[in-house]
Amino acid sequence: MAFKEILKTLVDRVDGAEGAVMADYDGEPVAEALGVGSSFDRYGIQLLGAQIRATLHRWEDLHERIQAHKPRTLTIRAQERTLLIYILNDRYFVLLAVRNSYGLSTAEHDLEVSGEQIALEM
């Protein structure tokens, strides 16, 4: 299954998902998918992935300085949406944007399952 298909399946499966993007270490998008009624367009979700990459760089620097293990997942809750990030490896990550009016109970699990599928495709 191609990366875009995996992301589309993830976005369709998670209630309130606005979109998902797989990006590389520099924040360059590899694939993306948008949810029904998303407030993002294709370039908006790609830009969000690029911006999150900068945050992940800082997060990784902090973990290196305090000699802690790097996290596999990261959750950022903003006013309108929650960003769930699954770190595939040192070069790639997947970001899922979910509206806050929806529960996140299965979103984290679904993101992890999709991340593992993408890792197998790499």
PDB file of N, CA and C in Angstrom:
ATOM      1  N   MET A   1       0.848  -1.185   0.000  1.00  0.00           N
ATOM      2  CA  MET A   1       0.000   0.000   0.000  1.00  0.00           C
ATOM      3  C   MET A   1       0.891   1.244   0.000  1.00  0.00           C
ATOM      4  N   ALA A   2       0.580   2.193  -0.832  1.00  0.00           N
ATOM      5  CA  ALA A   2       1.372   3.420  -0.927  1.00  0.00           C
ATOM      6  C   ALA A   2       1.143   4.297   0.303  1.00  0.00           C
ATOM      7  N   PHE A   3       2.112   5.160   0.590  1.00  0.00           N
ATOM      8  CA  PHE A   3       2.033   6.044   1.762  1.00  0.00           C
ATOM      9  C   PHE A   3       0.739   6.863   1.764  1.00  0.00           C
ATOM     10  N   LYS A   4       0.391   7.438   0.626  1.00  0.00           N
ATOM     11  CA  LYS A   4      -0.805   8.285   0.542  1.00  0.00           C
ATOM     12  C   LYS A   4      -2.067   7.490   0.869  1.00  0.00           C
ATOM     13  N   GLU A   5      -2.122   6.258   0.413  1.00  0.00           N
ATOM     14  CA  GLU A   5      -3.283   5.400   0.693  1.00  0.00           C
ATOM     15  C   GLU A   5      -3.379   5.090   2.185  1.00  0.00           C
ATOM     16  N   ILE A   6      -2.254   4.852   2.825  1.00  0.00           N
ATOM     17  CA  ILE A   6      -2.247   4.578   4.265  1.00  0.00           C
ATOM     18  C   ILE A   6      -2.728   5.808   5.023  1.00  0.00           C
ATOM     19  N   LEU A   7      -2.259   6.989   4.632  1.00  0.00           N
ATOM     20  CA  LEU A   7      -2.691   8.222   5.285  1.00  0.00           C
ATOM     21  C   LEU A   7      -4.172   8.473   5.060  1.00  0.00           C
ATOM     22  N   LYS A   8      -4.667   8.219   3.860  1.00  0.00           N
ATOM     23  CA  LYS A   8      -6.085   8.420   3.560  1.00  0.00           C
ATOM     24  C   LYS A   8      -6.934   7.476   4.408  1.00  0.00           C
ATOM     25  N   THR A   9      -6.512   6.241   4.550  1.00  0.00           N
ATOM     26  CA  THR A   9      -7.232   5.282   5.389  1.00  0.00           C
ATOM     27  C   THR A   9      -7.256   5.764   6.835  1.00  0.00           C
ATOM     28  N   LEU A  10      -6.127   6.274   7.321  1.00  0.00           N
ATOM     29  CA  LEU A  10      -6.044   6.807   8.679  1.00  0.00           C
ATOM     30  C   LEU A  10      -7.017   7.965   8.866  1.00  0.00           C
ATOM     31  N   VAL A  11      -7.003   8.937   7.967  1.00  0.00           N
ATOM     32  CA  VAL A  11      -7.859  10.123   8.070  1.00  0.00           C
ATOM     33  C   VAL A  11      -9.339   9.726   8.008  1.00  0.00           C
ATOM     34  N   ASP A  12      -9.672   8.771   7.151  1.00  0.00           N
ATOM     35  CA  ASP A  12     -11.060   8.320   7.038  1.00  0.00           C
ATOM     36  C   ASP A  12     -11.519   7.563   8.282  1.00  0.00           C
ATOM     37  N   ARG A  13     -10.607   6.886   8.948  1.00  0.00           N
ATOM     38  CA  ARG A  13     -10.939   6.050  10.107  1.00  0.00           C
ATOM     39  C   ARG A  13     -11.095   6.861  11.393  1.00  0.00           C
ATOM     40  N   VAL A  14     -10.398   7.977  11.520  1.00  0.00           N
ATOM     41  CA  VAL A  14     -10.402   8.757  12.762  1.00  0.00           C
ATOM     42  C   VAL A  14     -11.461   9.856  12.691  1.00  0.00           C
ATOM     43  N   ASP A  15     -12.430   9.812  13.610  1.00  0.00           N
ATOM     44  CA  ASP A  15     -13.455  10.854  13.677  1.00  0.00           C
ATOM     45  C   ASP A  15     -12.811  12.212  13.947  1.00  0.00           C
ATOM     46  N   GLY A  16     -13.174  13.207  13.154  1.00  0.00           N
ATOM     47  CA  GLY A  16     -12.665  14.557  13.356  1.00  0.00           C
ATOM     48  C   GLY A  16     -11.299  14.812  12.770  1.00  0.00           C
ATOM     49  N   ALA A  17     -10.726  13.835  12.063  1.00  0.00           N
ATOM     50  CA  ALA A  17      -9.403  14.036  11.459  1.00  0.00           C
ATOM     51  C   ALA A  17      -9.508  15.052  10.328  1.00  0.00           C
ATOM     52  N   GLU A  18      -8.662  16.073  10.390  1.00  0.00           N
ATOM     53  CA  GLU A  18      -8.631  17.083   9.334  1.00  0.00           C
ATOM     54  C   GLU A  18      -7.627  16.724   8.247  1.00  0.00           C
ATOM     55  N   GLY A  19      -6.572  16.028   8.619  1.00  0.00           N
ATOM     56  CA  GLY A  19      -5.580  15.652   7.637  1.00  0.00           C
ATOM     57  C   GLY A  19      -4.385  14.990   8.280  1.00  0.00           C
ATOM     58  N   ALA A  20      -3.562  14.403   7.432  1.00  0.00           N
ATOM     59  CA  ALA A  20      -2.328  13.762   7.881  1.00  0.00           C
ATOM     60  C   ALA A  20      -1.258  14.028   6.841  1.00  0.00           C
ATOM     61  N   VAL A  21      -0.029  14.101   7.303  1.00  0.00           N
ATOM     62  CA  VAL A  21       1.090  14.299   6.392  1.00  0.00           C
ATOM     63  C   VAL A  21       2.270  13.468   6.874  1.00  0.00           C
ATOM     64  N   MET A  22       2.963  12.861   5.934  1.00  0.00           N
ATOM     65  CA  MET A  22       4.242  12.204   6.201  1.00  0.00           C
ATOM     66  C   MET A  22       5.299  13.141   5.657  1.00  0.00           C
ATOM     67  N   ALA A  23       6.296  13.455   6.480  1.00  0.00           N
ATOM     68  CA  ALA A  23       7.341  14.384   6.060  1.00  0.00           C
ATOM     69  C   ALA A  23       8.712  13.836   6.437  1.00  0.00           C
ATOM     70  N   ASP A  24       9.730  14.367   5.778  1.00  0.00           N
ATOM     71  CA  ASP A  24      11.087  13.933   6.074  1.00  0.00           C
ATOM     72  C   ASP A  24      11.724  14.840   7.130  1.00  0.00           C
ATOM     73  N   TYR A  25      12.977  14.580   7.419  1.00  0.00           N
ATOM     74  CA  TYR A  25      13.704  15.277   8.476  1.00  0.00           C
ATOM     75  C   TYR A  25      13.744  16.787   8.280  1.00  0.00           C
ATOM     76  N   ASP A  26      13.698  17.222   7.024  1.00  0.00           N
ATOM     77  CA  ASP A  26      13.735  18.653   6.726  1.00  0.00           C
ATOM     78  C   ASP A  26      12.341  19.270   6.645  1.00  0.00           C
ATOM     79  N   GLY A  27      11.301  18.463   6.879  1.00  0.00           N
ATOM     80  CA  GLY A  27       9.937  18.966   6.808  1.00  0.00           C
ATOM     81  C   GLY A  27       9.333  18.911   5.419  1.00  0.00           C
ATOM     82  N   GLU A  28      10.059  18.323   4.465  1.00  0.00           N
ATOM     83  CA  GLU A  28       9.537  18.187   3.107  1.00  0.00           C
ATOM     84  C   GLU A  28       8.478  17.092   3.079  1.00  0.00           C
ATOM     85  N   PRO A  29       7.302  17.377   2.528  1.00  0.00           N
ATOM     86  CA  PRO A  29       6.239  16.372   2.513  1.00  0.00           C
ATOM     87  C   PRO A  29       6.550  15.216   1.572  1.00  0.00           C
ATOM     88  N   VAL A  30       6.191  14.023   2.019  1.00  0.00           N
ATOM     89  CA  VAL A  30       6.316  12.821   1.199  1.00  0.00           C
ATOM     90  C   VAL A  30       4.939  12.448   0.652  1.00  0.00           C
ATOM     91  N   ALA A  31       3.920  12.537   1.522  1.00  0.00           N
ATOM     92  CA  ALA A  31       2.536  12.225   1.153  1.00  0.00           C
ATOM     93  C   ALA A  31       1.617  12.918   2.139  1.00  0.00           C
ATOM     94  N   GLU A  32       0.383  13.173   1.698  1.00  0.00           N
ATOM     95  CA  GLU A  32      -0.595  13.786   2.588  1.00  0.00           C
ATOM     96  C   GLU A  32      -1.984  13.297   2.208  1.00  0.00           C
ATOM     97  N   ALA A  33      -2.921  13.478   3.154  1.00  0.00           N
ATOM     98  CA  ALA A  33      -4.333  13.156   2.917  1.00  0.00           C
ATOM     99  C   ALA A  33      -5.161  14.130   3.736  1.00  0.00           C
ATOM    100  N   LEU A  34      -6.302  14.534   3.191  1.00  0.00           N
ATOM    101  CA  LEU A  34      -7.191  15.474   3.871  1.00  0.00           C
ATOM    102  C   LEU A  34      -8.500  14.794   4.238  1.00  0.00           C
ATOM    103  N   GLY A  35      -9.060  15.208   5.376  1.00  0.00           N
ATOM    104  CA  GLY A  35     -10.346  14.695   5.816  1.00  0.00           C
ATOM    105  C   GLY A  35     -11.486  15.491   5.213  1.00  0.00           C
ATOM    106  N   VAL A  36     -12.680  14.923   5.275  1.00  0.00           N
ATOM    107  CA  VAL A  36     -13.879  15.598   4.788  1.00  0.00           C
ATOM    108  C   VAL A  36     -14.124  16.836   5.645  1.00  0.00           C
ATOM    109  N   GLY A  37     -14.344  17.974   5.012  1.00  0.00           N
ATOM    110  CA  GLY A  37     -14.606  19.211   5.735  1.00  0.00           C
ATOM    111  C   GLY A  37     -13.385  19.803   6.415  1.00  0.00           C
ATOM    112  N   SER A  38     -12.201  19.405   5.993  1.00  0.00           N
ATOM    113  CA  SER A  38     -10.959  19.901   6.591  1.00  0.00           C
ATOM    114  C   SER A  38     -10.809  21.403   6.385  1.00  0.00           C
ATOM    115  N   SER A  39     -10.241  22.075   7.378  1.00  0.00           N
ATOM    116  CA  SER A  39      -9.941  23.504   7.229  1.00  0.00           C
ATOM    117  C   SER A  39      -8.603  23.707   6.505  1.00  0.00           C
ATOM    118  N   PHE A  40      -7.907  22.615   6.212  1.00  0.00           N
ATOM    119  CA  PHE A  40      -6.639  22.673   5.485  1.00  0.00           C
ATOM    120  C   PHE A  40      -6.863  22.381   4.013  1.00  0.00           C
ATOM    121  N   ASP A  41      -5.996  22.936   3.171  1.00  0.00           N
ATOM    122  CA  ASP A  41      -5.882  22.436   1.815  1.00  0.00           C
ATOM    123  C   ASP A  41      -4.580  21.624   1.775  1.00  0.00           C
ATOM    124  N   ARG A  42      -4.255  21.102   0.629  1.00  0.00           N
ATOM    125  CA  ARG A  42      -3.063  20.262   0.492  1.00  0.00           C
ATOM    126  C   ARG A  42      -1.800  20.963   0.986  1.00  0.00           C
ATOM    127  N   TYR A  43      -1.649  22.223   0.623  1.00  0.00           N
ATOM    128  CA  TYR A  43      -0.446  22.960   0.999  1.00  0.00           C
ATOM    129  C   TYR A  43      -0.456  23.344   2.476  1.00  0.00           C
ATOM    130  N   GLY A  44      -1.634  23.552   3.027  1.00  0.00           N
ATOM    131  CA  GLY A  44      -1.741  23.885   4.443  1.00  0.00           C
ATOM    132  C   GLY A  44      -1.277  22.749   5.336  1.00  0.00           C
ATOM    133  N   ILE A  45      -1.677  21.527   5.024  1.00  0.00           N
ATOM    134  CA  ILE A  45      -1.253  20.379   5.846  1.00  0.00           C
ATOM    135  C   ILE A  45       0.241  20.128   5.644  1.00  0.00           C
ATOM    136  N   GLN A  46       0.745  20.374   4.431  1.00  0.00           N
ATOM    137  CA  GLN A  46       2.189  20.232   4.183  1.00  0.00           C
ATOM    138  C   GLN A  46       2.972  21.265   4.983  1.00  0.00           C
ATOM    139  N   LEU A  47       2.485  22.497   5.020  1.00  0.00           N
ATOM    140  CA  LEU A  47       3.144  23.561   5.780  1.00  0.00           C
ATOM    141  C   LEU A  47       3.132  23.239   7.273  1.00  0.00           C
ATOM    142  N   LEU A  48       2.029  22.711   7.762  1.00  0.00           N
ATOM    143  CA  LEU A  48       1.958  22.317   9.170  1.00  0.00           C
ATOM    144  C   LEU A  48       3.025  21.266   9.471  1.00  0.00           C
ATOM    145  N   GLY A  49       3.196  20.303   8.589  1.00  0.00           N
ATOM    146  CA  GLY A  49       4.247  19.299   8.767  1.00  0.00           C
ATOM    147  C   GLY A  49       5.629  19.917   8.822  1.00  0.00           C
ATOM    148  N   ALA A  50       5.880  20.901   7.964  1.00  0.00           N
ATOM    149  CA  ALA A  50       7.184  21.580   7.957  1.00  0.00           C
ATOM    150  C   ALA A  50       7.403  22.343   9.267  1.00  0.00           C
ATOM    151  N   GLN A  51       6.354  23.000   9.751  1.00  0.00           N
ATOM    152  CA  GLN A  51       6.483  23.745  11.006  1.00  0.00           C
ATOM    153  C   GLN A  51       6.707  22.812  12.192  1.00  0.00           C
ATOM    154  N   ILE A  52       6.037  21.692  12.190  1.00  0.00           N
ATOM    155  CA  ILE A  52       6.206  20.730  13.285  1.00  0.00           C
ATOM    156  C   ILE A  52       7.621  20.152  13.256  1.00  0.00           C
ATOM    157  N   ARG A  53       8.180  20.005  12.092  1.00  0.00           N
ATOM    158  CA  ARG A  53       9.551  19.480  12.003  1.00  0.00           C
ATOM    159  C   ARG A  53      10.513  20.360  12.790  1.00  0.00           C
ATOM    160  N   ALA A  54      10.340  21.659  12.712  1.00  0.00           N
ATOM    161  CA  ALA A  54      11.202  22.578  13.471  1.00  0.00           C
ATOM    162  C   ALA A  54      11.038  22.326  14.969  1.00  0.00           C
ATOM    163  N   THR A  55       9.825  22.089  15.411  1.00  0.00           N
ATOM    164  CA  THR A  55       9.569  21.775  16.819  1.00  0.00           C
ATOM    165  C   THR A  55      10.240  20.456  17.204  1.00  0.00           C
ATOM    166  N   LEU A  56      10.156  19.483  16.335  1.00  0.00           N
ATOM    167  CA  LEU A  56      10.777  18.183  16.625  1.00  0.00           C
ATOM    168  C   LEU A  56      12.296  18.299  16.720  1.00  0.00           C
ATOM    169  N   HIS A  57      12.893  19.159  15.896  1.00  0.00           N
ATOM    170  CA  HIS A  57      14.342  19.386  15.990  1.00  0.00           C
ATOM    171  C   HIS A  57      14.710  19.863  17.394  1.00  0.00           C
ATOM    172  N   ARG A  58      13.963  20.838  17.903  1.00  0.00           N
ATOM    173  CA  ARG A  58      14.236  21.355  19.253  1.00  0.00           C
ATOM    174  C   ARG A  58      14.013  20.288  20.314  1.00  0.00           C
ATOM    175  N   TRP A  59      12.957  19.511  20.144  1.00  0.00           N
ATOM    176  CA  TRP A  59      12.646  18.435  21.087  1.00  0.00           C
ATOM    177  C   TRP A  59      13.779  17.404  21.108  1.00  0.00           C
ATOM    178  N   GLU A  60      14.283  17.041  19.949  1.00  0.00           N
ATOM    179  CA  GLU A  60      15.378  16.074  19.866  1.00  0.00           C
ATOM    180  C   GLU A  60      16.657  16.632  20.484  1.00  0.00           C
ATOM    181  N   ASP A  61      16.937  17.920  20.273  1.00  0.00           N
ATOM    182  CA  ASP A  61      18.108  18.550  20.890  1.00  0.00           C
ATOM    183  C   ASP A  61      18.019  18.488  22.410  1.00  0.00           C
ATOM    184  N   LEU A  62      16.842  18.759  22.939  1.00  0.00           N
ATOM    185  CA  LEU A  62      16.643  18.691  24.394  1.00  0.00           C
ATOM    186  C   LEU A  62      16.898  17.283  24.909  1.00  0.00           C
ATOM    187  N   HIS A  63      16.347  16.291  24.243  1.00  0.00           N
ATOM    188  CA  HIS A  63      16.543  14.904  24.683  1.00  0.00           C
ATOM    189  C   HIS A  63      18.018  14.494  24.620  1.00  0.00           C
ATOM    190  N   GLU A  64      18.708  14.994  23.625  1.00  0.00           N
ATOM    191  CA  GLU A  64      20.132  14.688  23.506  1.00  0.00           C
ATOM    192  C   GLU A  64      20.914  15.323  24.658  1.00  0.00           C
ATOM    193  N   ARG A  65      20.578  16.572  24.992  1.00  0.00           N
ATOM    194  CA  ARG A  65      21.289  17.270  26.077  1.00  0.00           C
ATOM    195  C   ARG A  65      21.053  16.617  27.433  1.00  0.00           C
ATOM    196  N   ILE A  66      19.854  16.135  27.676  1.00  0.00           N
ATOM    197  CA  ILE A  66      19.587  15.509  28.981  1.00  0.00           C
ATOM    198  C   ILE A  66      19.769  13.990  28.930  1.00  0.00           C
ATOM    199  N   GLN A  67      20.233  13.502  27.791  1.00  0.00           N
ATOM    200  CA  GLN A  67      20.526  12.086  27.575  1.00  0.00           C
ATOM    201  C   GLN A  67      19.323  11.193  27.879  1.00  0.00           C
ATOM    202  N   ALA A  68      18.184  11.605  27.369  1.00  0.00           N
ATOM    203  CA  ALA A  68      16.954  10.825  27.520  1.00  0.00           C
ATOM    204  C   ALA A  68      16.642  10.125  26.198  1.00  0.00           C
ATOM    205  N   HIS A  69      15.833   9.091  26.284  1.00  0.00           N
ATOM    206  CA  HIS A  69      15.406   8.390  25.076  1.00  0.00           C
ATOM    207  C   HIS A  69      14.468   9.282  24.273  1.00  0.00           C
ATOM    208  N   LYS A  70      14.571   9.200  22.978  1.00  0.00           N
ATOM    209  CA  LYS A  70      13.682   9.968  22.108  1.00  0.00           C
ATOM    210  C   LYS A  70      12.293   9.334  22.146  1.00  0.00           C
ATOM    211  N   PRO A  71      11.259  10.158  22.181  1.00  0.00           N
ATOM    212  CA  PRO A  71       9.900   9.614  22.194  1.00  0.00           C
ATOM    213  C   PRO A  71       9.515   9.074  20.816  1.00  0.00           C
ATOM    214  N   ARG A  72       8.600   8.147  20.793  1.00  0.00           N
ATOM    215  CA  ARG A  72       8.056   7.619  19.532  1.00  0.00           C
ATOM    216  C   ARG A  72       6.857   8.455  19.092  1.00  0.00           C
ATOM    217  N   THR A  73       6.106   8.980  20.088  1.00  0.00           N
ATOM    218  CA  THR A  73       4.935   9.788  19.778  1.00  0.00           C
ATOM    219  C   THR A  73       4.974  11.090  20.563  1.00  0.00           C
ATOM    220  N   LEU A  74       4.283  12.080  20.031  1.00  0.00           N
ATOM    221  CA  LEU A  74       4.196  13.381  20.684  1.00  0.00           C
ATOM    222  C   LEU A  74       2.804  13.929  20.408  1.00  0.00           C
ATOM    223  N   THR A  75       2.179  14.526  21.425  1.00  0.00           N
ATOM    224  CA  THR A  75       0.849  15.112  21.285  1.00  0.00           C
ATOM    225  C   THR A  75       0.925  16.591  21.631  1.00  0.00           C
ATOM    226  N   ILE A  76       0.405  17.420  20.743  1.00  0.00           N
ATOM    227  CA  ILE A  76       0.361  18.864  20.966  1.00  0.00           C
ATOM    228  C   ILE A  76      -1.105  19.281  20.876  1.00  0.00           C
ATOM    229  N   ARG A  77      -1.626  19.774  21.985  1.00  0.00           N
ATOM    230  CA  ARG A  77      -3.026  20.202  22.010  1.00  0.00           C
ATOM    231  C   ARG A  77      -3.087  21.723  21.859  1.00  0.00           C
ATOM    232  N   ALA A  78      -3.711  22.178  20.787  1.00  0.00           N
ATOM    233  CA  ALA A  78      -3.876  23.601  20.524  1.00  0.00           C
ATOM    234  C   ALA A  78      -5.345  23.980  20.754  1.00  0.00           C
ATOM    235  N   GLN A  79      -5.675  25.223  20.511  1.00  0.00           N
ATOM    236  CA  GLN A  79      -7.025  25.697  20.795  1.00  0.00           C
ATOM    237  C   GLN A  79      -8.089  24.974  19.967  1.00  0.00           C
ATOM    238  N   GLU A  80      -7.842  24.805  18.674  1.00  0.00           N
ATOM    239  CA  GLU A  80      -8.859  24.232  17.797  1.00  0.00           C
ATOM    240  C   GLU A  80      -8.634  22.772  17.440  1.00  0.00           C
ATOM    241  N   ARG A  81      -7.406  22.308  17.560  1.00  0.00           N
ATOM    242  CA  ARG A  81      -7.125  20.931  17.144  1.00  0.00           C
ATOM    243  C   ARG A  81      -5.977  20.358  17.951  1.00  0.00           C
ATOM    244  N   THR A  82      -5.870  19.053  17.897  1.00  0.00           N
ATOM    245  CA  THR A  82      -4.764  18.345  18.524  1.00  0.00           C
ATOM    246  C   THR A  82      -3.907  17.754  17.409  1.00  0.00           C
ATOM    247  N   LEU A  83      -2.598  17.876  17.564  1.00  0.00           N
ATOM    248  CA  LEU A  83      -1.658  17.323  16.599  1.00  0.00           C
ATOM    249  C   LEU A  83      -1.012  16.093  17.227  1.00  0.00           C
ATOM    250  N   LEU A  84      -1.184  14.971  16.588  1.00  0.00           N
ATOM    251  CA  LEU A  84      -0.576  13.716  17.030  1.00  0.00           C
ATOM    252  C   LEU A  84       0.567  13.399  16.077  1.00  0.00           C
ATOM    253  N   ILE A  85       1.740  13.166  16.622  1.00  0.00           N
ATOM    254  CA  ILE A  85       2.932  12.951  15.803  1.00  0.00           C
ATOM    255  C   ILE A  85       3.504  11.585  16.128  1.00  0.00           C
ATOM    256  N   TYR A  86       3.741  10.797  15.092  1.00  0.00           N
ATOM    257  CA  TYR A  86       4.358   9.482  15.225  1.00  0.00           C
ATOM    258  C   TYR A  86       5.698   9.547  14.508  1.00  0.00           C
ATOM    259  N   ILE A  87       6.778   9.343  15.238  1.00  0.00           N
ATOM    260  CA  ILE A  87       8.121   9.412  14.667  1.00  0.00           C
ATOM    261  C   ILE A  87       8.483   8.033  14.132  1.00  0.00           C
ATOM    262  N   LEU A  88       8.625   7.950  12.801  1.00  0.00           N
ATOM    263  CA  LEU A  88       8.908   6.675  12.150  1.00  0.00           C
ATOM    264  C   LEU A  88      10.336   6.213  12.398  1.00  0.00           C
ATOM    265  N   ASN A  89      11.270   7.144  12.232  1.00  0.00           N
ATOM    266  CA  ASN A  89      12.700   6.865  12.426  1.00  0.00           C
ATOM    267  C   ASN A  89      13.420   8.216  12.461  1.00  0.00           C
ATOM    268  N   ASP A  90      14.715   8.219  12.330  1.00  0.00           N
ATOM    269  CA  ASP A  90      15.467   9.474  12.391  1.00  0.00           C
ATOM    270  C   ASP A  90      15.250  10.367  11.169  1.00  0.00           C
ATOM    271  N   ARG A  91      14.559   9.856  10.157  1.00  0.00           N
ATOM    272  CA  ARG A  91      14.398  10.620   8.918  1.00  0.00           C
ATOM    273  C   ARG A  91      12.963  11.025   8.595  1.00  0.00           C
ATOM    274  N   TYR A  92      11.963  10.344   9.183  1.00  0.00           N
ATOM    275  CA  TYR A  92      10.577  10.596   8.796  1.00  0.00           C
ATOM    276  C   TYR A  92       9.627  10.582   9.995  1.00  0.00           C
ATOM    277  N   PHE A  93       8.502  11.291   9.830  1.00  0.00           N
ATOM    278  CA  PHE A  93       7.442  11.276  10.835  1.00  0.00           C
ATOM    279  C   PHE A  93       6.094  11.416  10.138  1.00  0.00           C
ATOM    280  N   VAL A  94       5.034  11.073  10.872  1.00  0.00           N
ATOM    281  CA  VAL A  94       3.664  11.256  10.396  1.00  0.00           C
ATOM    282  C   VAL A  94       2.946  12.144  11.395  1.00  0.00           C
ATOM    283  N   LEU A  95       2.227  13.137  10.885  1.00  0.00           N
ATOM    284  CA  LEU A  95       1.441  14.044  11.716  1.00  0.00           C
ATOM    285  C   LEU A  95      -0.033  13.866  11.370  1.00  0.00           C
ATOM    286  N   LEU A  96      -0.870  13.758  12.403  1.00  0.00           N
ATOM    287  CA  LEU A  96      -2.322  13.669  12.239  1.00  0.00           C
ATOM    288  C   LEU A  96      -2.953  14.834  12.981  1.00  0.00           C
ATOM    289  N   ALA A  97      -3.746  15.652  12.286  1.00  0.00           N
ATOM    290  CA  ALA A  97      -4.444  16.792  12.891  1.00  0.00           C
ATOM    291  C   ALA A  97      -5.902  16.399  13.107  1.00  0.00           C
ATOM    292  N   VAL A  98      -6.376  16.530  14.378  1.00  0.00           N
ATOM    293  CA  VAL A  98      -7.737  16.133  14.741  1.00  0.00           C
ATOM    294  C   VAL A  98      -8.426  17.305  15.432  1.00  0.00           C
ATOM    295  N   ARG A  99      -9.664  17.601  15.030  1.00  0.00           N
ATOM    296  CA  ARG A  99     -10.439  18.656  15.683  1.00  0.00           C
ATOM    297  C   ARG A  99     -10.645  18.310  17.153  1.00  0.00           C
ATOM    298  N   ASN A 100     -10.555  19.302  18.024  1.00  0.00           N
ATOM    299  CA  ASN A 100     -10.692  19.058  19.460  1.00  0.00           C
ATOM    300  C   ASN A 100     -12.091  18.656  19.887  1.00  0.00           C
ATOM    301  N   SER A 101     -13.095  18.885  19.062  1.00  0.00           N
ATOM    302  CA  SER A 101     -14.456  18.520  19.433  1.00  0.00           C
ATOM    303  C   SER A 101     -14.686  17.005  19.337  1.00  0.00           C
ATOM    304  N   TYR A 102     -13.706  16.275  18.889  1.00  0.00           N
ATOM    305  CA  TYR A 102     -13.801  14.826  18.761  1.00  0.00           C
ATOM    306  C   TYR A 102     -12.880  14.165  19.777  1.00  0.00           C
ATOM    307  N   GLY A 103     -13.242  12.970  20.195  1.00  0.00           N
ATOM    308  CA  GLY A 103     -12.413  12.229  21.138  1.00  0.00           C
ATOM    309  C   GLY A 103     -11.155  11.705  20.485  1.00  0.00           C
ATOM    310  N   LEU A 104     -10.135  11.538  21.281  1.00  0.00           N
ATOM    311  CA  LEU A 104      -8.860  11.062  20.758  1.00  0.00           C
ATOM    312  C   LEU A 104      -8.569   9.626  21.175  1.00  0.00           C
ATOM    313  N   SER A 105      -9.579   8.955  21.712  1.00  0.00           N
ATOM    314  CA  SER A 105      -9.342   7.636  22.290  1.00  0.00           C
ATOM    315  C   SER A 105      -8.728   6.640  21.309  1.00  0.00           C
ATOM    316  N   THR A 106      -9.212   6.614  20.095  1.00  0.00           N
ATOM    317  CA  THR A 106      -8.653   5.666  19.124  1.00  0.00           C
ATOM    318  C   THR A 106      -7.664   6.309  18.169  1.00  0.00           C
ATOM    319  N   ALA A 107      -7.640   7.643  18.111  1.00  0.00           N
ATOM    320  CA  ALA A 107      -6.776   8.328  17.146  1.00  0.00           C
ATOM    321  C   ALA A 107      -5.309   7.976  17.350  1.00  0.00           C
ATOM    322  N   GLU A 108      -4.849   7.954  18.595  1.00  0.00           N
ATOM    323  CA  GLU A 108      -3.441   7.635  18.858  1.00  0.00           C
ATOM    324  C   GLU A 108      -3.116   6.209  18.427  1.00  0.00           C
ATOM    325  N   HIS A 109      -4.020   5.286  18.727  1.00  0.00           N
ATOM    326  CA  HIS A 109      -3.805   3.893  18.322  1.00  0.00           C
ATOM    327  C   HIS A 109      -3.797   3.765  16.800  1.00  0.00           C
ATOM    328  N   ASP A 110      -4.768   4.394  16.140  1.00  0.00           N
ATOM    329  CA  ASP A 110      -4.836   4.324  14.681  1.00  0.00           C
ATOM    330  C   ASP A 110      -3.601   4.936  14.030  1.00  0.00           C
ATOM    331  N   LEU A 111      -3.086   6.019  14.598  1.00  0.00           N
ATOM    332  CA  LEU A 111      -1.866   6.638  14.080  1.00  0.00           C
ATOM    333  C   LEU A 111      -0.686   5.678  14.220  1.00  0.00           C
ATOM    334  N   GLU A 112      -0.579   5.018  15.355  1.00  0.00           N
ATOM    335  CA  GLU A 112       0.518   4.069  15.558  1.00  0.00           C
ATOM    336  C   GLU A 112       0.437   2.910  14.565  1.00  0.00           C
ATOM    337  N   VAL A 113      -0.761   2.380  14.356  1.00  0.00           N
ATOM    338  CA  VAL A 113      -0.945   1.280  13.394  1.00  0.00           C
ATOM    339  C   VAL A 113      -0.546   1.738  11.994  1.00  0.00           C
ATOM    340  N   SER A 114      -0.993   2.923  11.597  1.00  0.00           N
ATOM    341  CA  SER A 114      -0.639   3.451  10.284  1.00  0.00           C
ATOM    342  C   SER A 114       0.854   3.713  10.159  1.00  0.00           C
ATOM    343  N   GLY A 115       1.461   4.239  11.228  1.00  0.00           N
ATOM    344  CA  GLY A 115       2.908   4.467  11.238  1.00  0.00           C
ATOM    345  C   GLY A 115       3.676   3.178  11.037  1.00  0.00           C
ATOM    346  N   GLU A 116       3.219   2.121  11.682  1.00  0.00           N
ATOM    347  CA  GLU A 116       3.879   0.822  11.514  1.00  0.00           C
ATOM    348  C   GLU A 116       3.721   0.297  10.096  1.00  0.00           C
ATOM    349  N   GLN A 117       2.540   0.526   9.490  1.00  0.00           N
ATOM    350  CA  GLN A 117       2.343   0.125   8.095  1.00  0.00           C
ATOM    351  C   GLN A 117       3.282   0.878   7.164  1.00  0.00           C
ATOM    352  N   ILE A 118       3.430   2.166   7.386  1.00  0.00           N
ATOM    353  CA  ILE A 118       4.334   2.970   6.556  1.00  0.00           C
ATOM    354  C   ILE A 118       5.768   2.490   6.733  1.00  0.00           C
ATOM    355  N   ALA A 119       6.168   2.215   7.968  1.00  0.00           N
ATOM    356  CA  ALA A 119       7.533   1.731   8.229  1.00  0.00           C
ATOM    357  C   ALA A 119       7.806   0.445   7.446  1.00  0.00           C
ATOM    358  N   LEU A 120       6.814  -0.420   7.337  1.00  0.00           N
ATOM    359  CA  LEU A 120       6.992  -1.653   6.589  1.00  0.00           C
ATOM    360  C   LEU A 120       7.139  -1.398   5.097  1.00  0.00           C
ATOM    361  N   GLU A 121       6.524  -0.322   4.610  1.00  0.00           N
ATOM    362  CA  GLU A 121       6.599   0.030   3.193  1.00  0.00           C
ATOM    363  C   GLU A 121       7.925   0.692   2.814  1.00  0.00           C
ATOM    364  N   MET A 122       8.645   1.191   3.798  1.00  0.00           N
ATOM    365  CA  MET A 122       9.874   1.946   3.516  1.00  0.00           C
ATOM    366  C   MET A 122      11.008   1.031   3.105  1.00  0.00           C
TER     367      MET A 122
END
